[in-house]
Structures are given as C-alpha cells and as structure tokens.
Amino acid sequence: MEAHLCKTRRSNININIILLLIASIAATLVTSSASPITTGEKVELSLYYEALCPYCENFILNYLYKVFDNGLISIVDLKLSPYGNAKIRPNGTIVCQHGEWECVLNTVEACAIHAWPVVSDHFPFVYCVESLTYEGKYDEWETCFEKLNLDPKPVTDCIASGFGHELALRYADEINALEPPHTYVPWVVVGGQPIYDDYTDFVSFVCKAYKGSNPPQACLGLSLPTTTPNYNAKPFNHVCYKEEDNAKSKSTLSETILATAAAWAESM
C-alpha cells in the first residue's frame, strides 16, 4: 500500500533520457574549468537511504537527480549512504527492512560507489538501479551496466567476494553515529545538519548554506528558508520509519549474497 501511494504521486519518467542527461551534464561539469568552486566552498549534502524504501526511490528519481541538471552539483559534495534502517544481528549478519532484495541492492549500490568513487560516475548507476526497483524489476539491476556502458566486474567481484558485506557494515557504523540519530529514511543532511521532513526542499537549504561567491543558477532568485528545521516536528508520512519492520522476509545479507554468487557461478 505504501509503495502504491508513493508511485501514484510520481511523475512519469523517461529513464533512458534522464540517464543520458545525468551522464552528459556530469561529464561536462568534470571537464569544465570555468570558475571552479574550491572544495572548501562546497556544501556537504548526504543522503542516507535504503534501496526499496519507496520514498527513497521517489527522492532519488524525482528530486536528487536535478542537482546535475540545475548546476547545483558545482557547489555540492554529494554523498550517498545505502544502508538505511537495516539491523545487524549479534552474529554480524544483516536484516534489511524490506527483505532480501533490499539487502542485495543496498550492497550492489555500495559496491558501485566503492568501484567508482566520483559521484558523477556512480550516481547514474544508482539512479538506474533505483529506476528498476521503482518498476519492481529487482532482478534486472545488472542491465544497468550495459545501459551505461560500464564494466560489471568491479561490482560483481565486490559482491561475490564478500567485500560488499564489509562495506555494508561500514555504512551501518556511519548511519548509527549520526547526531541527532536518524529516525527514518530518506534522511537528508545539509552541511552537517538534518533537514527532516523538508528533504524535498534540499536545494533551498544547500543554497542557504553556500558561502562562496559564485552561486549556480539554481540558487539565483530562490526563496531561502528562514527557519531551522524542527527536530520535534512530526514528519509528514512520506518516509520509512526506523521503528517499522516491513521486511518481506528475514533473509540475511550473507545468505542472499551467497545465493546470488552461486547463481552467477552456475550461469557461467
């Protein structure tokens, strides 16, 4: 029901066109030398999410991708953290909120971020995977390699070797160390401060936090927030809460990765 409600609010997206747009604009930004923004001037923008939370999908597909379209990426250090509301058992295995496929896809995206650490390289892949989860095509994530002309080996090796599990544990430590603690995803942090249920208005908060002298077009004429996000405000129900346990199964990450690796070995 939650996923259905979220999907009915989304605009129709031509995934291939947007993937090409992101890749093209990202490449242009990387190669451009006009009026570069120094690292110290950039605003840290972090997204803590999980692969199958419908509101995380919605945010990535309909909001976050625009940083590559409106020039905002020039003043942003964008960081993705694919772990969300998963839990670690005493034996070190991981249970994901929305079941075994979420564990797999969180790990896929973690391995992609590790394989291609530059955000303009890994974001199109994450966007492609999330566009497939939006359509319920969880098992087609490998088609994103061909769509984006990427070598699958760094990602598939990361998963099959178990290094993806180690990355997941690192992301777990990262999200569990947040102050204030996250209570739901998507959890968006701008300049070290969470913006709570204002997350879809992240552009305004980034522009307000930017202290440089060369604001992008996205910030010009923008009405900036005049108040600090209220931690005590009740979130609007467009989030996946940490307390909820909507898991479709209790399959652990290690069990799923072993099964996936076995399937690859058999197919080869």
C-alpha atoms as a PDB file:
ATOM      1  CA  MET A   1       0.000   0.000   0.000  1.00  0.00           C
ATOM      2  CA  GLU A   2       2.817   2.362   0.945  1.00  0.00           C
ATOM      3  CA  ALA A   3       4.634   1.739  -2.319  1.00  0.00           C
ATOM      4  CA  HIS A   4       1.422   2.158  -4.312  1.00  0.00           C
ATOM      5  CA  LEU A   5       0.633   5.518  -2.721  1.00  0.00           C
ATOM      6  CA  CYS A   6       4.135   6.748  -3.399  1.00  0.00           C
ATOM      7  CA  LYS A   7       4.097   5.647  -7.029  1.00  0.00           C
ATOM      8  CA  THR A   8       0.813   7.372  -7.744  1.00  0.00           C
ATOM      9  CA  ARG A   9       2.401  10.686  -6.737  1.00  0.00           C
ATOM     10  CA  ARG A  10       5.356  10.332  -9.069  1.00  0.00           C
ATOM     11  CA  SER A  11       5.660  11.930 -12.449  1.00  0.00           C
ATOM     12  CA  ASN A  12       6.200   9.759 -15.489  1.00  0.00           C
ATOM     13  CA  ILE A  13       9.909   9.427 -16.143  1.00  0.00           C
ATOM     14  CA  ASN A  14      11.753   8.503 -19.305  1.00  0.00           C
ATOM     15  CA  ILE A  15      14.585   6.678 -17.558  1.00  0.00           C
ATOM     16  CA  ASN A  16      16.895   6.402 -20.567  1.00  0.00           C
ATOM     17  CA  ILE A  17      16.657  10.104 -21.351  1.00  0.00           C
ATOM     18  CA  ILE A  18      17.403  11.092 -17.756  1.00  0.00           C
ATOM     19  CA  LEU A  19      20.328   8.668 -17.517  1.00  0.00           C
ATOM     20  CA  LEU A  20      21.837  10.211 -20.642  1.00  0.00           C
ATOM     21  CA  LEU A  21      21.181  13.686 -19.274  1.00  0.00           C
ATOM     22  CA  ILE A  22      22.896  12.946 -15.962  1.00  0.00           C
ATOM     23  CA  ALA A  23      25.901  11.328 -17.638  1.00  0.00           C
ATOM     24  CA  SER A  24      26.245  14.155 -20.170  1.00  0.00           C
ATOM     25  CA  ILE A  25      25.947  17.004 -17.664  1.00  0.00           C
ATOM     26  CA  ALA A  26      28.226  15.268 -15.164  1.00  0.00           C
ATOM     27  CA  ALA A  27      30.897  14.835 -17.844  1.00  0.00           C
ATOM     28  CA  THR A  28      30.578  18.492 -18.801  1.00  0.00           C
ATOM     29  CA  LEU A  29      30.983  19.604 -15.197  1.00  0.00           C
ATOM     30  CA  VAL A  30      34.032  17.417 -14.696  1.00  0.00           C
ATOM     31  CA  THR A  31      35.817  18.714 -17.791  1.00  0.00           C
ATOM     32  CA  SER A  32      34.822  22.370 -17.408  1.00  0.00           C
ATOM     33  CA  SER A  33      37.465  24.673 -15.924  1.00  0.00           C
ATOM     34  CA  ALA A  34      35.426  27.893 -15.907  1.00  0.00           C
ATOM     35  CA  SER A  35      35.089  29.491 -12.451  1.00  0.00           C
ATOM     36  CA  PRO A  36      35.812  26.304 -10.468  1.00  0.00           C
ATOM     37  CA  ILE A  37      34.429  26.004  -6.947  1.00  0.00           C
ATOM     38  CA  THR A  38      37.045  25.056  -4.375  1.00  0.00           C
ATOM     39  CA  THR A  39      36.397  22.106  -2.084  1.00  0.00           C
ATOM     40  CA  GLY A  40      36.263  24.337   0.981  1.00  0.00           C
ATOM     41  CA  GLU A  41      33.379  26.318  -0.515  1.00  0.00           C
ATOM     42  CA  LYS A  42      31.243  23.303  -1.310  1.00  0.00           C
ATOM     43  CA  VAL A  43      28.279  22.277   0.817  1.00  0.00           C
ATOM     44  CA  GLU A  44      28.136  18.710   2.090  1.00  0.00           C
ATOM     45  CA  LEU A  45      24.902  17.026   1.006  1.00  0.00           C
ATOM     46  CA  SER A  46      24.394  13.496   2.334  1.00  0.00           C
ATOM     47  CA  LEU A  47      21.569  11.078   1.628  1.00  0.00           C
ATOM     48  CA  TYR A  48      21.058   8.129   3.960  1.00  0.00           C
ATOM     49  CA  TYR A  49      18.661   5.712   2.307  1.00  0.00           C
ATOM     50  CA  GLU A  50      17.733   2.113   1.559  1.00  0.00           C
ATOM     51  CA  ALA A  51      17.130   0.641  -1.868  1.00  0.00           C
ATOM     52  CA  LEU A  52      13.490  -0.433  -1.535  1.00  0.00           C
ATOM     53  CA  CYS A  53      12.023   2.339   0.579  1.00  0.00           C
ATOM     54  CA  PRO A  54       9.519   3.846  -1.902  1.00  0.00           C
ATOM     55  CA  TYR A  55      10.153   7.366  -0.589  1.00  0.00           C
ATOM     56  CA  CYS A  56      13.900   6.986  -1.090  1.00  0.00           C
ATOM     57  CA  GLU A  57      13.244   5.859  -4.660  1.00  0.00           C
ATOM     58  CA  ASN A  58      10.971   8.838  -5.174  1.00  0.00           C
ATOM     59  CA  PHE A  59      13.522  11.289  -3.801  1.00  0.00           C
ATOM     60  CA  ILE A  60      16.360   9.949  -5.961  1.00  0.00           C
ATOM     61  CA  LEU A  61      14.302   9.669  -9.147  1.00  0.00           C
ATOM     62  CA  ASN A  62      12.277  12.865  -8.935  1.00  0.00           C
ATOM     63  CA  TYR A  63      14.379  15.271  -6.857  1.00  0.00           C
ATOM     64  CA  LEU A  64      18.026  14.423  -6.241  1.00  0.00           C
ATOM     65  CA  TYR A  65      18.954  13.859  -9.894  1.00  0.00           C
ATOM     66  CA  LYS A  66      18.209  17.532 -10.569  1.00  0.00           C
ATOM     67  CA  VAL A  67      21.492  18.583  -8.952  1.00  0.00           C
ATOM     68  CA  PHE A  68      23.085  17.550 -12.256  1.00  0.00           C
ATOM     69  CA  ASP A  69      20.520  19.472 -14.276  1.00  0.00           C
ATOM     70  CA  ASN A  70      20.401  22.811 -12.467  1.00  0.00           C
ATOM     71  CA  GLY A  71      24.117  23.350 -11.808  1.00  0.00           C
ATOM     72  CA  LEU A  72      23.843  22.703  -8.067  1.00  0.00           C
ATOM     73  CA  ILE A  73      26.407  19.912  -8.245  1.00  0.00           C
ATOM     74  CA  SER A  74      29.082  22.579  -8.806  1.00  0.00           C
ATOM     75  CA  ILE A  75      28.724  23.707  -5.160  1.00  0.00           C
ATOM     76  CA  VAL A  76      27.855  20.343  -3.594  1.00  0.00           C
ATOM     77  CA  ASP A  77      29.800  17.399  -2.220  1.00  0.00           C
ATOM     78  CA  LEU A  78      27.136  14.732  -2.690  1.00  0.00           C
ATOM     79  CA  LYS A  79      27.439  11.580  -0.603  1.00  0.00           C
ATOM     80  CA  LEU A  80      25.179   8.522  -0.806  1.00  0.00           C
ATOM     81  CA  SER A  81      24.886   6.039   2.049  1.00  0.00           C
ATOM     82  CA  PRO A  82      22.897   2.887   1.081  1.00  0.00           C
ATOM     83  CA  TYR A  83      22.028   1.164   4.342  1.00  0.00           C
ATOM     84  CA  GLY A  84      19.043   2.888   5.919  1.00  0.00           C
ATOM     85  CA  ASN A  85      17.051   1.072   8.588  1.00  0.00           C
ATOM     86  CA  ALA A  86      18.741  -2.315   8.351  1.00  0.00           C
ATOM     87  CA  LYS A  87      19.716  -4.152  11.539  1.00  0.00           C
ATOM     88  CA  ILE A  88      22.793  -6.172  12.442  1.00  0.00           C
ATOM     89  CA  ARG A  89      22.305  -9.440  14.263  1.00  0.00           C
ATOM     90  CA  PRO A  90      24.691 -10.488  17.045  1.00  0.00           C
ATOM     91  CA  ASN A  91      26.421 -12.867  14.628  1.00  0.00           C
ATOM     92  CA  GLY A  92      27.207  -9.996  12.201  1.00  0.00           C
ATOM     93  CA  THR A  93      24.602 -10.770   9.574  1.00  0.00           C
ATOM     94  CA  ILE A  94      22.277  -8.041   8.366  1.00  0.00           C
ATOM     95  CA  VAL A  95      18.487  -7.975   8.110  1.00  0.00           C
ATOM     96  CA  CYS A  96      17.015  -5.347   5.823  1.00  0.00           C
ATOM     97  CA  GLN A  97      13.747  -3.562   6.424  1.00  0.00           C
ATOM     98  CA  HIS A  98      12.141  -4.536   3.112  1.00  0.00           C
ATOM     99  CA  GLY A  99      13.554  -8.021   2.747  1.00  0.00           C
ATOM    100  CA  GLU A 100      16.291  -9.895   0.953  1.00  0.00           C
ATOM    101  CA  TRP A 101      16.258  -7.894  -2.280  1.00  0.00           C
ATOM    102  CA  GLU A 102      16.888  -4.707  -0.340  1.00  0.00           C
ATOM    103  CA  CYS A 103      19.986  -6.311   1.165  1.00  0.00           C
ATOM    104  CA  VAL A 104      21.200  -7.296  -2.289  1.00  0.00           C
ATOM    105  CA  LEU A 105      20.573  -3.899  -3.859  1.00  0.00           C
ATOM    106  CA  ASN A 106      21.995  -1.941  -0.929  1.00  0.00           C
ATOM    107  CA  THR A 107      25.160  -3.976  -1.416  1.00  0.00           C
ATOM    108  CA  VAL A 108      25.116  -3.541  -5.194  1.00  0.00           C
ATOM    109  CA  GLU A 109      24.950   0.224  -4.784  1.00  0.00           C
ATOM    110  CA  ALA A 110      27.582   0.247  -2.028  1.00  0.00           C
ATOM    111  CA  CYS A 111      29.929  -1.695  -4.305  1.00  0.00           C
ATOM    112  CA  ALA A 112      29.240   0.690  -7.192  1.00  0.00           C
ATOM    113  CA  ILE A 113      30.051   3.696  -5.006  1.00  0.00           C
ATOM    114  CA  HIS A 114      33.283   1.992  -3.945  1.00  0.00           C
ATOM    115  CA  ALA A 115      34.176   0.948  -7.508  1.00  0.00           C
ATOM    116  CA  TRP A 116      33.519   4.411  -8.964  1.00  0.00           C
ATOM    117  CA  PRO A 117      34.049   6.858  -6.080  1.00  0.00           C
ATOM    118  CA  VAL A 118      33.472  10.014  -8.150  1.00  0.00           C
ATOM    119  CA  VAL A 119      29.800  10.936  -7.741  1.00  0.00           C
ATOM    120  CA  SER A 120      29.346  11.726 -11.428  1.00  0.00           C
ATOM    121  CA  ASP A 121      30.421   8.125 -12.143  1.00  0.00           C
ATOM    122  CA  HIS A 122      28.357   6.202  -9.583  1.00  0.00           C
ATOM    123  CA  PHE A 123      25.204   8.324  -9.387  1.00  0.00           C
ATOM    124  CA  PRO A 124      23.910   7.345 -12.870  1.00  0.00           C
ATOM    125  CA  PHE A 125      24.279   3.683 -11.899  1.00  0.00           C
ATOM    126  CA  VAL A 126      22.454   4.176  -8.581  1.00  0.00           C
ATOM    127  CA  TYR A 127      19.754   6.113 -10.420  1.00  0.00           C
ATOM    128  CA  CYS A 128      19.384   3.285 -12.949  1.00  0.00           C
ATOM    129  CA  VAL A 129      19.083   0.619 -10.227  1.00  0.00           C
ATOM    130  CA  GLU A 130      16.519   2.688  -8.338  1.00  0.00           C
ATOM    131  CA  SER A 131      14.505   3.203 -11.502  1.00  0.00           C
ATOM    132  CA  LEU A 132      14.266  -0.581 -11.849  1.00  0.00           C
ATOM    133  CA  THR A 133      13.239  -1.068  -8.207  1.00  0.00           C
ATOM    134  CA  TYR A 134      10.530   1.535  -8.788  1.00  0.00           C
ATOM    135  CA  GLU A 135       9.158  -0.747 -11.511  1.00  0.00           C
ATOM    136  CA  GLY A 136       9.548  -3.853  -9.354  1.00  0.00           C
ATOM    137  CA  LYS A 137      12.301  -5.223 -11.620  1.00  0.00           C
ATOM    138  CA  TYR A 138      14.721  -6.012  -8.805  1.00  0.00           C
ATOM    139  CA  ASP A 139      16.434  -8.863 -10.616  1.00  0.00           C
ATOM    140  CA  GLU A 140      17.261  -6.738 -13.680  1.00  0.00           C
ATOM    141  CA  TRP A 141      19.769  -4.460 -11.941  1.00  0.00           C
ATOM    142  CA  GLU A 142      22.654  -5.921 -13.971  1.00  0.00           C
ATOM    143  CA  THR A 143      21.174  -4.387 -17.140  1.00  0.00           C
ATOM    144  CA  CYS A 144      22.388  -1.019 -15.837  1.00  0.00           C
ATOM    145  CA  PHE A 145      25.963  -1.974 -16.761  1.00  0.00           C
ATOM    146  CA  GLU A 146      25.024  -2.253 -20.420  1.00  0.00           C
ATOM    147  CA  LYS A 147      22.777   0.813 -20.364  1.00  0.00           C
ATOM    148  CA  LEU A 148      25.622   2.931 -19.021  1.00  0.00           C
ATOM    149  CA  ASN A 149      28.456   1.140 -20.819  1.00  0.00           C
ATOM    150  CA  LEU A 150      30.109   0.122 -17.547  1.00  0.00           C
ATOM    151  CA  ASP A 151      32.386  -2.816 -16.778  1.00  0.00           C
ATOM    152  CA  PRO A 152      30.428  -5.029 -14.333  1.00  0.00           C
ATOM    153  CA  LYS A 153      33.494  -6.802 -12.930  1.00  0.00           C
ATOM    154  CA  PRO A 154      34.410  -4.352 -10.120  1.00  0.00           C
ATOM    155  CA  VAL A 155      30.869  -4.501  -8.741  1.00  0.00           C
ATOM    156  CA  THR A 156      30.192  -8.218  -9.182  1.00  0.00           C
ATOM    157  CA  ASP A 157      33.614  -9.105  -7.729  1.00  0.00           C
ATOM    158  CA  CYS A 158      32.912  -6.843  -4.753  1.00  0.00           C
ATOM    159  CA  ILE A 159      29.641  -8.665  -4.073  1.00  0.00           C
ATOM    160  CA  ALA A 160      30.832 -12.227  -4.691  1.00  0.00           C
ATOM    161  CA  SER A 161      33.982 -11.792  -2.586  1.00  0.00           C
ATOM    162  CA  GLY A 162      32.039 -10.651   0.466  1.00  0.00           C
ATOM    163  CA  PHE A 163      33.615  -7.201   0.437  1.00  0.00           C
ATOM    164  CA  GLY A 164      30.143  -5.768  -0.143  1.00  0.00           C
ATOM    165  CA  HIS A 165      29.165  -7.056   3.303  1.00  0.00           C
ATOM    166  CA  GLU A 166      32.130  -5.236   4.817  1.00  0.00           C
ATOM    167  CA  LEU A 167      31.017  -2.046   3.069  1.00  0.00           C
ATOM    168  CA  ALA A 168      27.521  -2.523   4.470  1.00  0.00           C
ATOM    169  CA  LEU A 169      28.930  -2.764   7.995  1.00  0.00           C
ATOM    170  CA  ARG A 170      30.852   0.459   7.405  1.00  0.00           C
ATOM    171  CA  TYR A 171      27.677   2.214   6.293  1.00  0.00           C
ATOM    172  CA  ALA A 172      25.938   0.826   9.372  1.00  0.00           C
ATOM    173  CA  ASP A 173      28.580   2.389  11.622  1.00  0.00           C
ATOM    174  CA  GLU A 174      28.242   5.645   9.727  1.00  0.00           C
ATOM    175  CA  ILE A 175      24.478   5.990   9.999  1.00  0.00           C
ATOM    176  CA  ASN A 176      24.436   4.781  13.612  1.00  0.00           C
ATOM    177  CA  ALA A 177      26.930   7.511  14.532  1.00  0.00           C
ATOM    178  CA  LEU A 178      24.703  10.331  13.290  1.00  0.00           C
ATOM    179  CA  GLU A 179      23.845  13.097  15.769  1.00  0.00           C
ATOM    180  CA  PRO A 180      20.998  13.574  16.113  1.00  0.00           C
ATOM    181  CA  PRO A 181      20.202   9.935  15.309  1.00  0.00           C
ATOM    182  CA  HIS A 182      18.206   9.250  12.175  1.00  0.00           C
ATOM    183  CA  THR A 183      14.620   8.160  12.777  1.00  0.00           C
ATOM    184  CA  TYR A 184      13.597   7.457   9.183  1.00  0.00           C
ATOM    185  CA  VAL A 185      14.797   7.480   5.595  1.00  0.00           C
ATOM    186  CA  PRO A 186      15.330   9.294   3.349  1.00  0.00           C
ATOM    187  CA  TRP A 187      17.456  11.165   5.883  1.00  0.00           C
ATOM    188  CA  VAL A 188      18.985  14.201   4.187  1.00  0.00           C
ATOM    189  CA  VAL A 189      21.812  16.136   5.832  1.00  0.00           C
ATOM    190  CA  VAL A 190      22.982  19.540   4.562  1.00  0.00           C
ATOM    191  CA  GLY A 191      26.181  20.996   5.966  1.00  0.00           C
ATOM    192  CA  GLY A 192      26.115  18.524   8.846  1.00  0.00           C
ATOM    193  CA  GLN A 193      22.507  19.283   9.832  1.00  0.00           C
ATOM    194  CA  PRO A 194      19.491  17.056   9.023  1.00  0.00           C
ATOM    195  CA  ILE A 195      16.625  18.844   7.306  1.00  0.00           C
ATOM    196  CA  TYR A 196      13.986  16.323   8.426  1.00  0.00           C
ATOM    197  CA  ASP A 197      10.691  16.452   6.549  1.00  0.00           C
ATOM    198  CA  ASP A 198      11.915  19.387   4.426  1.00  0.00           C
ATOM    199  CA  TYR A 199      14.120  16.988   2.461  1.00  0.00           C
ATOM    200  CA  THR A 200      12.421  17.614  -0.897  1.00  0.00           C
ATOM    201  CA  ASP A 201      13.357  21.292  -0.488  1.00  0.00           C
ATOM    202  CA  PHE A 202      17.050  20.437  -0.104  1.00  0.00           C
ATOM    203  CA  VAL A 203      18.056  22.898  -2.852  1.00  0.00           C
ATOM    204  CA  SER A 204      16.978  25.857  -0.710  1.00  0.00           C
ATOM    205  CA  PHE A 205      18.980  24.585   2.265  1.00  0.00           C
ATOM    206  CA  VAL A 206      22.073  23.973   0.129  1.00  0.00           C
ATOM    207  CA  CYS A 207      21.876  27.487  -1.335  1.00  0.00           C
ATOM    208  CA  LYS A 208      21.436  28.973   2.144  1.00  0.00           C
ATOM    209  CA  ALA A 209      24.465  27.041   3.427  1.00  0.00           C
ATOM    210  CA  TYR A 210      26.667  28.029   0.478  1.00  0.00           C
ATOM    211  CA  LYS A 211      29.112  30.786   1.465  1.00  0.00           C
ATOM    212  CA  GLY A 212      31.021  31.095  -1.796  1.00  0.00           C
ATOM    213  CA  SER A 213      30.939  33.962  -4.285  1.00  0.00           C
ATOM    214  CA  ASN A 214      29.804  32.020  -7.340  1.00  0.00           C
ATOM    215  CA  PRO A 215      26.277  30.639  -6.729  1.00  0.00           C
ATOM    216  CA  PRO A 216      24.823  28.473  -9.505  1.00  0.00           C
ATOM    217  CA  GLN A 217      21.725  29.404 -11.466  1.00  0.00           C
ATOM    218  CA  ALA A 218      19.644  27.128  -9.220  1.00  0.00           C
ATOM    219  CA  CYS A 219      20.248  29.484  -6.275  1.00  0.00           C
ATOM    220  CA  LEU A 220      19.504  32.765  -8.024  1.00  0.00           C
ATOM    221  CA  GLY A 221      16.162  34.282  -7.062  1.00  0.00           C
ATOM    222  CA  LEU A 222      15.410  31.340  -4.791  1.00  0.00           C
ATOM    223  CA  SER A 223      13.377  31.903  -1.640  1.00  0.00           C
ATOM    224  CA  LEU A 224      15.674  30.609   1.078  1.00  0.00           C
ATOM    225  CA  PRO A 225      14.383  29.002   4.291  1.00  0.00           C
ATOM    226  CA  THR A 226      14.245  31.473   7.180  1.00  0.00           C
ATOM    227  CA  THR A 227      13.988  28.916   9.976  1.00  0.00           C
ATOM    228  CA  THR A 228      15.953  25.918  11.132  1.00  0.00           C
ATOM    229  CA  PRO A 229      14.272  22.540  10.548  1.00  0.00           C
ATOM    230  CA  ASN A 230      12.395  21.495  13.662  1.00  0.00           C
ATOM    231  CA  TYR A 231      13.616  18.208  15.127  1.00  0.00           C
ATOM    232  CA  ASN A 232      10.462  17.886  17.221  1.00  0.00           C
ATOM    233  CA  ALA A 233       8.081  18.444  14.322  1.00  0.00           C
ATOM    234  CA  LYS A 234       6.073  15.387  13.355  1.00  0.00           C
ATOM    235  CA  PRO A 235       7.278  14.140   9.945  1.00  0.00           C
ATOM    236  CA  PHE A 236       4.833  14.001   7.073  1.00  0.00           C
ATOM    237  CA  ASN A 237       4.236  10.355   6.249  1.00  0.00           C
ATOM    238  CA  HIS A 238       6.496  10.237   3.212  1.00  0.00           C
ATOM    239  CA  VAL A 239       9.278   8.368   4.955  1.00  0.00           C
ATOM    240  CA  CYS A 240      10.203   4.834   6.013  1.00  0.00           C
ATOM    241  CA  TYR A 241      10.442   4.906   9.802  1.00  0.00           C
ATOM    242  CA  LYS A 242      13.281   3.246  11.637  1.00  0.00           C
ATOM    243  CA  GLU A 243      10.929   1.523  14.081  1.00  0.00           C
ATOM    244  CA  GLU A 244       8.876  -0.160  11.385  1.00  0.00           C
ATOM    245  CA  ASP A 245       9.649  -3.704  10.387  1.00  0.00           C
ATOM    246  CA  ASN A 246       8.139  -4.153   6.946  1.00  0.00           C
ATOM    247  CA  ALA A 247      10.539  -6.893   5.970  1.00  0.00           C
ATOM    248  CA  LYS A 248       9.076  -9.266   3.423  1.00  0.00           C
ATOM    249  CA  SER A 249      11.457 -11.937   4.666  1.00  0.00           C
ATOM    250  CA  LYS A 250      14.157 -12.373   7.280  1.00  0.00           C
ATOM    251  CA  SER A 251      16.791 -13.460   4.806  1.00  0.00           C
ATOM    252  CA  THR A 252      20.148 -12.093   5.839  1.00  0.00           C
ATOM    253  CA  LEU A 253      22.606 -10.280   3.672  1.00  0.00           C
ATOM    254  CA  SER A 254      25.207 -13.041   3.810  1.00  0.00           C
ATOM    255  CA  GLU A 255      22.670 -15.723   2.866  1.00  0.00           C
ATOM    256  CA  THR A 256      21.423 -13.675  -0.089  1.00  0.00           C
ATOM    257  CA  ILE A 257      24.905 -12.818  -1.342  1.00  0.00           C
ATOM    258  CA  LEU A 258      25.932 -16.472  -1.227  1.00  0.00           C
ATOM    259  CA  ALA A 259      22.825 -17.424  -3.191  1.00  0.00           C
ATOM    260  CA  THR A 260      23.481 -14.690  -5.746  1.00  0.00           C
ATOM    261  CA  ALA A 261      27.117 -15.708  -6.148  1.00  0.00           C
ATOM    262  CA  ALA A 262      26.075 -19.319  -6.618  1.00  0.00           C
ATOM    263  CA  ALA A 263      23.600 -18.299  -9.303  1.00  0.00           C
ATOM    264  CA  TRP A 264      26.291 -16.376 -11.174  1.00  0.00           C
ATOM    265  CA  ALA A 265      28.703 -19.307 -10.941  1.00  0.00           C
ATOM    266  CA  GLU A 266      26.045 -21.671 -12.273  1.00  0.00           C
ATOM    267  CA  SER A 267      25.172 -19.373 -15.194  1.00  0.00           C
ATOM    268  CA  MET A 268      28.850 -19.099 -16.148  1.00  0.00           C
END
